[in-house]
Amino acid sequence: LMIYINETSLTEKLLSDQYYLDVMGMLEYDPNLSKNRPKHREHFLTSVKYKSVIELDDTSIIFQVHLNFRIQYLKNVALAHIMNEETFTNLSSFIFFNQIEILKNYN
């Protein structure tokens, strides 16, 4: 999986609005989970609703918020059973620095 390359710009592109459903769809076809295949796309299309507790006008900040959610989903759900330590650390760092950017731009 390309996420294991640990290149933040690639991860950001793969989880952009344009591609994230395709990436989540690919993760549904894990041969190790043939009996209980996950439904990542269905989850994002039916269960995930963006709700803001503060008003955000900057679309780049809103994208960063969405990106953080998608990365956390990958880390904690979609890839949790197969992720190596390096990828886990890189995704955690990506989330952390992304949160700093969000907060920095908010103030």
N, C-alpha and C. Protein backbone atom coordinates (compact mmCIF):
# COMPACT_ATOMS: atom_id res chain seq x y z
N LEU A 1 0.84 -1.18 0.00
CA LEU A 1 0.00 0.00 0.00
C LEU A 1 0.89 1.24 0.00
N MET A 2 0.51 2.22 -0.74
CA MET A 2 1.32 3.43 -0.91
C MET A 2 1.47 4.23 0.38
N ILE A 3 0.58 4.04 1.33
CA ILE A 3 0.68 4.73 2.62
C ILE A 3 1.98 4.34 3.32
N TYR A 4 2.45 3.11 3.09
CA TYR A 4 3.67 2.64 3.73
C TYR A 4 4.93 3.32 3.22
N ILE A 5 4.83 4.06 2.14
CA ILE A 5 5.98 4.80 1.63
C ILE A 5 6.37 5.90 2.62
N ASN A 6 5.41 6.32 3.46
CA ASN A 6 5.63 7.32 4.50
C ASN A 6 6.06 8.67 3.93
N GLU A 7 5.46 9.03 2.83
CA GLU A 7 5.68 10.33 2.21
C GLU A 7 4.43 11.16 2.46
N THR A 8 4.56 12.21 3.26
CA THR A 8 3.38 12.97 3.68
C THR A 8 2.63 13.61 2.51
N SER A 9 3.35 14.08 1.50
CA SER A 9 2.66 14.70 0.37
C SER A 9 1.83 13.66 -0.39
N LEU A 10 2.32 12.44 -0.49
CA LEU A 10 1.57 11.36 -1.14
C LEU A 10 0.35 10.99 -0.30
N THR A 11 0.53 10.87 0.99
CA THR A 11 -0.59 10.55 1.89
C THR A 11 -1.65 11.64 1.80
N GLU A 12 -1.23 12.88 1.79
CA GLU A 12 -2.16 14.00 1.69
C GLU A 12 -2.95 13.94 0.38
N LYS A 13 -2.29 13.59 -0.71
CA LYS A 13 -2.96 13.48 -2.01
C LYS A 13 -3.93 12.29 -2.02
N LEU A 14 -3.49 11.15 -1.49
CA LEU A 14 -4.35 9.96 -1.46
C LEU A 14 -5.61 10.16 -0.62
N LEU A 15 -5.51 11.00 0.40
CA LEU A 15 -6.65 11.23 1.29
C LEU A 15 -7.37 12.53 0.99
N SER A 16 -7.09 13.11 -0.17
CA SER A 16 -7.79 14.33 -0.58
C SER A 16 -9.24 13.98 -0.93
N ASP A 17 -10.06 15.00 -1.05
CA ASP A 17 -11.47 14.79 -1.38
C ASP A 17 -11.64 13.97 -2.66
N GLN A 18 -10.71 14.14 -3.58
CA GLN A 18 -10.80 13.47 -4.88
C GLN A 18 -10.56 11.97 -4.80
N TYR A 19 -9.68 11.51 -3.90
CA TYR A 19 -9.24 10.12 -3.92
C TYR A 19 -9.57 9.29 -2.68
N TYR A 20 -9.93 9.89 -1.56
CA TYR A 20 -10.01 9.12 -0.32
C TYR A 20 -11.01 7.97 -0.38
N LEU A 21 -12.14 8.12 -1.07
CA LEU A 21 -13.10 7.02 -1.16
C LEU A 21 -12.53 5.85 -1.96
N ASP A 22 -11.73 6.13 -2.97
CA ASP A 22 -11.08 5.07 -3.73
C ASP A 22 -10.08 4.32 -2.85
N VAL A 23 -9.32 5.06 -2.06
CA VAL A 23 -8.34 4.44 -1.15
C VAL A 23 -9.06 3.58 -0.13
N MET A 24 -10.13 4.11 0.46
CA MET A 24 -10.89 3.33 1.44
C MET A 24 -11.49 2.09 0.80
N GLY A 25 -11.93 2.22 -0.46
CA GLY A 25 -12.47 1.08 -1.17
C GLY A 25 -11.44 -0.01 -1.38
N MET A 26 -10.20 0.37 -1.71
CA MET A 26 -9.14 -0.61 -1.88
C MET A 26 -8.87 -1.37 -0.58
N LEU A 27 -9.00 -0.67 0.53
CA LEU A 27 -8.74 -1.30 1.83
C LEU A 27 -9.84 -2.28 2.23
N GLU A 28 -10.96 -2.26 1.54
CA GLU A 28 -12.03 -3.23 1.81
C GLU A 28 -11.69 -4.61 1.29
N TYR A 29 -10.73 -4.71 0.39
CA TYR A 29 -10.39 -5.97 -0.24
C TYR A 29 -9.14 -6.59 0.37
N ASP A 30 -9.15 -6.76 1.65
CA ASP A 30 -8.05 -7.39 2.38
C ASP A 30 -8.30 -8.90 2.39
N PRO A 31 -7.40 -9.69 1.80
CA PRO A 31 -7.62 -11.14 1.74
C PRO A 31 -7.68 -11.80 3.13
N ASN A 32 -7.10 -11.16 4.12
CA ASN A 32 -7.14 -11.72 5.48
C ASN A 32 -8.49 -11.53 6.15
N LEU A 33 -9.33 -10.67 5.59
CA LEU A 33 -10.64 -10.39 6.19
C LEU A 33 -11.77 -10.78 5.24
N SER A 34 -11.63 -11.90 4.57
CA SER A 34 -12.60 -12.27 3.54
C SER A 34 -14.01 -12.52 4.10
N LYS A 35 -14.13 -13.00 5.31
CA LYS A 35 -15.45 -13.30 5.86
C LYS A 35 -16.17 -12.04 6.34
N ASN A 36 -15.49 -11.19 7.03
CA ASN A 36 -16.09 -9.97 7.56
C ASN A 36 -15.45 -8.76 6.91
N ARG A 37 -15.70 -8.60 5.64
CA ARG A 37 -15.08 -7.51 4.89
C ARG A 37 -15.58 -6.16 5.41
N PRO A 38 -14.64 -5.26 5.72
CA PRO A 38 -15.04 -3.94 6.22
C PRO A 38 -15.72 -3.12 5.13
N LYS A 39 -16.51 -2.17 5.54
CA LYS A 39 -17.23 -1.30 4.61
C LYS A 39 -16.83 0.14 4.87
N HIS A 40 -15.58 0.46 4.57
CA HIS A 40 -15.04 1.79 4.83
C HIS A 40 -15.76 2.88 4.03
N ARG A 41 -16.00 2.62 2.74
CA ARG A 41 -16.69 3.62 1.91
C ARG A 41 -18.09 3.88 2.43
N GLU A 42 -18.80 2.83 2.76
CA GLU A 42 -20.15 2.99 3.29
C GLU A 42 -20.13 3.81 4.58
N HIS A 43 -19.15 3.54 5.42
CA HIS A 43 -19.01 4.29 6.67
C HIS A 43 -18.85 5.79 6.39
N PHE A 44 -17.97 6.12 5.45
CA PHE A 44 -17.73 7.54 5.14
C PHE A 44 -18.94 8.19 4.47
N LEU A 45 -19.64 7.44 3.65
CA LEU A 45 -20.77 8.01 2.91
C LEU A 45 -22.04 8.13 3.75
N THR A 46 -22.21 7.25 4.74
CA THR A 46 -23.47 7.26 5.50
C THR A 46 -23.33 7.73 6.95
N SER A 47 -22.21 7.44 7.57
CA SER A 47 -22.08 7.72 9.00
C SER A 47 -21.30 8.98 9.33
N VAL A 48 -20.37 9.34 8.49
CA VAL A 48 -19.49 10.48 8.79
C VAL A 48 -20.17 11.77 8.36
N LYS A 49 -20.37 12.65 9.31
CA LYS A 49 -20.96 13.97 9.04
C LYS A 49 -20.05 15.01 9.68
N TYR A 50 -19.64 15.98 8.89
CA TYR A 50 -18.78 17.05 9.40
C TYR A 50 -19.64 18.06 10.15
N LYS A 51 -19.28 18.27 11.40
CA LYS A 51 -19.95 19.28 12.22
C LYS A 51 -18.88 20.13 12.87
N SER A 52 -19.01 21.43 12.71
CA SER A 52 -18.02 22.34 13.25
C SER A 52 -18.59 23.02 14.49
N VAL A 53 -17.81 23.05 15.55
CA VAL A 53 -18.24 23.73 16.77
C VAL A 53 -17.83 25.20 16.75
N ILE A 54 -16.92 25.54 15.84
CA ILE A 54 -16.53 26.93 15.63
C ILE A 54 -16.63 27.21 14.14
N GLU A 55 -16.82 28.45 13.78
CA GLU A 55 -16.95 28.80 12.38
C GLU A 55 -15.58 28.84 11.72
N LEU A 56 -15.44 28.07 10.66
CA LEU A 56 -14.20 28.05 9.89
C LEU A 56 -14.52 28.47 8.46
N ASP A 57 -13.92 29.56 8.03
CA ASP A 57 -14.18 30.07 6.68
C ASP A 57 -13.10 29.65 5.68
N ASP A 58 -11.93 29.37 6.18
CA ASP A 58 -10.80 29.03 5.33
C ASP A 58 -10.91 27.57 4.87
N THR A 59 -11.05 27.37 3.56
CA THR A 59 -11.22 26.01 3.04
C THR A 59 -9.97 25.14 3.26
N SER A 60 -8.81 25.76 3.32
CA SER A 60 -7.60 24.96 3.57
C SER A 60 -7.59 24.40 4.99
N ILE A 61 -8.12 25.15 5.93
CA ILE A 61 -8.21 24.65 7.31
C ILE A 61 -9.24 23.53 7.40
N ILE A 62 -10.36 23.71 6.72
CA ILE A 62 -11.39 22.66 6.70
C ILE A 62 -10.82 21.39 6.08
N PHE A 63 -10.04 21.53 5.01
CA PHE A 63 -9.39 20.37 4.40
C PHE A 63 -8.46 19.69 5.41
N GLN A 64 -7.70 20.48 6.17
CA GLN A 64 -6.78 19.91 7.18
C GLN A 64 -7.55 19.13 8.24
N VAL A 65 -8.69 19.65 8.65
CA VAL A 65 -9.54 18.96 9.64
C VAL A 65 -10.01 17.63 9.05
N HIS A 66 -10.51 17.65 7.82
CA HIS A 66 -10.97 16.42 7.17
C HIS A 66 -9.82 15.44 6.99
N LEU A 67 -8.66 15.95 6.60
CA LEU A 67 -7.49 15.11 6.41
C LEU A 67 -7.10 14.43 7.71
N ASN A 68 -7.11 15.17 8.80
CA ASN A 68 -6.78 14.58 10.09
C ASN A 68 -7.74 13.45 10.45
N PHE A 69 -9.02 13.66 10.21
CA PHE A 69 -9.99 12.61 10.51
C PHE A 69 -9.70 11.36 9.68
N ARG A 70 -9.43 11.55 8.40
CA ARG A 70 -9.17 10.41 7.51
C ARG A 70 -7.90 9.67 7.91
N ILE A 71 -6.87 10.40 8.30
CA ILE A 71 -5.62 9.76 8.74
C ILE A 71 -5.86 8.98 10.03
N GLN A 72 -6.60 9.57 10.96
CA GLN A 72 -6.90 8.87 12.21
C GLN A 72 -7.71 7.61 11.94
N TYR A 73 -8.64 7.67 11.00
CA TYR A 73 -9.42 6.49 10.64
C TYR A 73 -8.50 5.41 10.07
N LEU A 74 -7.61 5.79 9.18
CA LEU A 74 -6.65 4.83 8.64
C LEU A 74 -5.83 4.18 9.74
N LYS A 75 -5.29 5.02 10.60
CA LYS A 75 -4.40 4.55 11.65
C LYS A 75 -5.12 3.65 12.66
N ASN A 76 -6.31 4.05 13.06
CA ASN A 76 -6.99 3.35 14.15
C ASN A 76 -7.97 2.26 13.71
N VAL A 77 -8.39 2.30 12.45
CA VAL A 77 -9.40 1.33 12.00
C VAL A 77 -8.91 0.55 10.78
N ALA A 78 -8.76 1.22 9.66
CA ALA A 78 -8.51 0.53 8.39
C ALA A 78 -7.18 -0.22 8.35
N LEU A 79 -6.14 0.35 8.91
CA LEU A 79 -4.82 -0.28 8.85
C LEU A 79 -4.35 -0.82 10.20
N ALA A 80 -5.17 -0.73 11.21
CA ALA A 80 -4.74 -1.08 12.57
C ALA A 80 -4.19 -2.51 12.67
N HIS A 81 -4.75 -3.44 11.95
CA HIS A 81 -4.33 -4.84 12.08
C HIS A 81 -3.10 -5.21 11.25
N ILE A 82 -2.65 -4.31 10.37
CA ILE A 82 -1.50 -4.64 9.52
C ILE A 82 -0.39 -3.59 9.54
N MET A 83 -0.57 -2.54 10.30
CA MET A 83 0.38 -1.42 10.27
C MET A 83 1.67 -1.74 11.01
N ASN A 84 2.79 -1.36 10.39
CA ASN A 84 4.08 -1.52 11.06
C ASN A 84 4.34 -0.30 11.95
N GLU A 85 5.34 -0.42 12.80
CA GLU A 85 5.64 0.63 13.77
C GLU A 85 6.04 1.95 13.11
N GLU A 86 6.80 1.87 12.05
CA GLU A 86 7.26 3.07 11.37
C GLU A 86 6.09 3.86 10.78
N THR A 87 5.17 3.16 10.15
CA THR A 87 4.00 3.82 9.57
C THR A 87 3.12 4.40 10.66
N PHE A 88 2.95 3.66 11.76
CA PHE A 88 2.16 4.16 12.89
C PHE A 88 2.76 5.46 13.41
N THR A 89 4.06 5.48 13.59
CA THR A 89 4.75 6.67 14.09
C THR A 89 4.62 7.83 13.11
N ASN A 90 4.81 7.56 11.83
CA ASN A 90 4.71 8.62 10.83
C ASN A 90 3.30 9.19 10.74
N LEU A 91 2.29 8.33 10.78
CA LEU A 91 0.92 8.84 10.74
C LEU A 91 0.60 9.65 12.00
N SER A 92 1.08 9.19 13.14
CA SER A 92 0.88 9.93 14.39
C SER A 92 1.54 11.31 14.32
N SER A 93 2.74 11.36 13.78
CA SER A 93 3.44 12.64 13.63
C SER A 93 2.70 13.55 12.65
N PHE A 94 2.23 12.98 11.56
CA PHE A 94 1.48 13.73 10.57
C PHE A 94 0.25 14.37 11.24
N ILE A 95 -0.46 13.60 12.01
CA ILE A 95 -1.65 14.10 12.72
C ILE A 95 -1.25 15.24 13.66
N PHE A 96 -0.21 15.02 14.43
CA PHE A 96 0.24 16.02 15.41
C PHE A 96 0.59 17.34 14.74
N PHE A 97 1.41 17.28 13.69
CA PHE A 97 1.84 18.52 13.02
C PHE A 97 0.69 19.17 12.26
N ASN A 98 -0.21 18.36 11.77
CA ASN A 98 -1.40 18.90 11.11
C ASN A 98 -2.27 19.65 12.12
N GLN A 99 -2.40 19.11 13.32
CA GLN A 99 -3.17 19.79 14.38
C GLN A 99 -2.52 21.12 14.75
N ILE A 100 -1.21 21.14 14.79
CA ILE A 100 -0.51 22.40 15.09
C ILE A 100 -0.81 23.42 14.01
N GLU A 101 -0.79 23.02 12.74
CA GLU A 101 -1.10 23.93 11.64
C GLU A 101 -2.53 24.46 11.75
N ILE A 102 -3.44 23.60 12.09
CA ILE A 102 -4.85 24.01 12.25
C ILE A 102 -4.97 25.08 13.34
N LEU A 103 -4.35 24.81 14.48
CA LEU A 103 -4.43 25.73 15.59
C LEU A 103 -3.69 27.05 15.30
N LYS A 104 -2.57 26.94 14.63
CA LYS A 104 -1.80 28.14 14.29
C LYS A 104 -2.60 29.05 13.35
N ASN A 105 -3.28 28.49 12.40
CA ASN A 105 -4.07 29.28 11.46
C ASN A 105 -5.37 29.77 12.06
N TYR A 106 -5.82 29.12 13.10
CA TYR A 106 -7.06 29.55 13.73
C TYR A 106 -6.87 30.83 14.53
N ASN A 107 -5.74 30.97 15.17
CA ASN A 107 -5.49 32.14 16.03
C ASN A 107 -5.24 33.36 15.24
